[in-house]
Protein backbone atom coordinates (compact mmCIF):
# COMPACT_ATOMS: atom_id res chain seq x y z
CA MET A 1 -96.40 301.83 -118.69
CA GLU A 2 -98.41 301.78 -115.23
CA PHE A 3 -101.92 303.54 -115.09
CA ASP A 4 -101.71 306.63 -112.91
CA TYR A 5 -105.45 307.93 -111.83
CA TYR A 6 -103.99 310.89 -110.67
CA LYS A 7 -102.53 312.49 -113.31
CA ALA A 8 -103.86 314.27 -115.79
CA PRO A 9 -104.47 312.51 -119.54
CA GLU A 10 -103.71 313.96 -122.68
CA GLN A 11 -105.78 317.83 -123.75
CA LYS A 12 -107.21 316.05 -126.84
CA VAL A 13 -108.58 313.09 -124.44
CA PHE A 14 -110.04 315.45 -121.60
CA ASP A 15 -111.59 317.34 -124.48
CA GLU A 16 -113.31 314.44 -125.88
CA ILE A 17 -114.16 313.32 -122.36
CA LYS A 18 -115.96 316.30 -121.13
CA ALA A 19 -117.54 317.37 -124.55
CA ALA A 20 -119.56 313.90 -124.87
CA SER A 21 -120.69 314.72 -120.97
CA ILE A 22 -122.26 317.98 -121.44
CA LYS A 23 -123.34 315.68 -124.68
CA ILE A 24 -125.10 313.08 -122.53
CA TRP A 25 -125.84 315.76 -119.74
CA LYS A 26 -128.02 317.63 -122.49
CA THR A 27 -130.15 314.76 -122.66
CA TYR A 28 -131.39 314.85 -119.71
CA ASP A 29 -134.70 316.30 -118.70
CA ASP A 30 -133.65 319.38 -116.92
CA THR A 31 -136.86 321.42 -115.05
CA TYR A 32 -135.72 321.12 -111.95
CA GLY A 33 -131.98 322.19 -113.43
CA TYR A 34 -129.81 318.49 -113.08
CA ALA A 35 -128.90 318.34 -116.02
CA THR A 36 -127.36 322.73 -115.70
CA GLU A 37 -126.24 321.90 -112.37
CA LYS A 38 -124.28 319.21 -114.06
CA ILE A 39 -123.28 320.81 -116.93
CA ASP A 40 -122.04 324.16 -114.50
CA LYS A 41 -119.97 321.75 -112.33
CA ILE A 42 -117.73 320.66 -115.68
CA LYS A 43 -117.91 323.18 -118.35
CA ASP A 44 -115.25 325.26 -116.42
CA ILE A 45 -113.23 322.23 -115.37
CA GLU A 46 -109.53 322.36 -116.72
CA ASN A 47 -107.48 319.50 -117.02
CA VAL A 48 -105.63 319.08 -113.63
CA LYS A 49 -104.80 315.95 -112.09
CA ASP A 50 -107.85 313.13 -112.12
CA ASN A 51 -110.78 316.05 -113.32
CA ALA A 52 -111.27 313.98 -116.50
CA TRP A 53 -111.99 311.31 -114.02
CA TYR A 54 -114.18 312.79 -111.71
CA MET A 55 -116.52 313.63 -115.07
CA VAL A 56 -116.87 309.84 -115.55
CA ALA A 57 -117.30 309.18 -111.73
CA MET A 58 -120.34 311.05 -112.69
CA PHE A 59 -122.25 308.72 -114.47
CA ASP A 60 -123.70 305.45 -113.53
CA HIS A 61 -122.44 303.09 -115.47
CA ILE A 62 -125.10 302.78 -117.98
CA ASN A 63 -123.84 306.07 -118.88
CA GLN A 64 -120.78 305.42 -118.80
CA GLY A 65 -121.15 302.72 -121.35
CA LYS A 66 -122.47 305.77 -123.29
CA LEU A 67 -119.39 307.99 -122.75
CA CYS A 68 -117.28 304.90 -123.83
CA ASP A 69 -119.27 304.79 -127.29
CA SER A 70 -119.21 308.10 -128.16
CA VAL A 71 -115.07 308.53 -128.07
CA SER A 72 -112.29 307.98 -130.14
CA GLU A 73 -110.85 304.26 -129.65
CA GLU A 74 -108.03 305.65 -127.74
CA THR A 75 -110.01 307.06 -125.77
CA GLN A 76 -111.90 304.38 -124.79
CA LEU A 77 -108.82 302.38 -123.95
CA ILE A 78 -107.73 304.85 -121.20
CA LEU A 79 -111.70 304.84 -120.02
CA ASP A 80 -111.64 301.19 -119.69
CA LYS A 81 -108.75 301.66 -117.40
CA ILE A 82 -110.87 304.10 -115.13
CA ILE A 83 -114.24 302.48 -115.42
CA ASN A 84 -112.75 298.67 -114.90
CA GLN A 85 -110.66 299.33 -111.85
């Protein structure tokens, strides 16, 4: 089955990506509201179209690696398709 970038993933995959993304943003220094701004952009985001991949794209490659390390193996396989396009 071919991967469709614009099709939303399963809800559990989306929820994992969202929770892990928020967790990573919470590790940032929030002196000037940078982390809060990022968290606010994704905390209410819904699982439609490419919103999951939008959250992944917010990170540089180092944090994308951290994201992959903090999700299930199933979600890692899907993220690998996104990150290594």
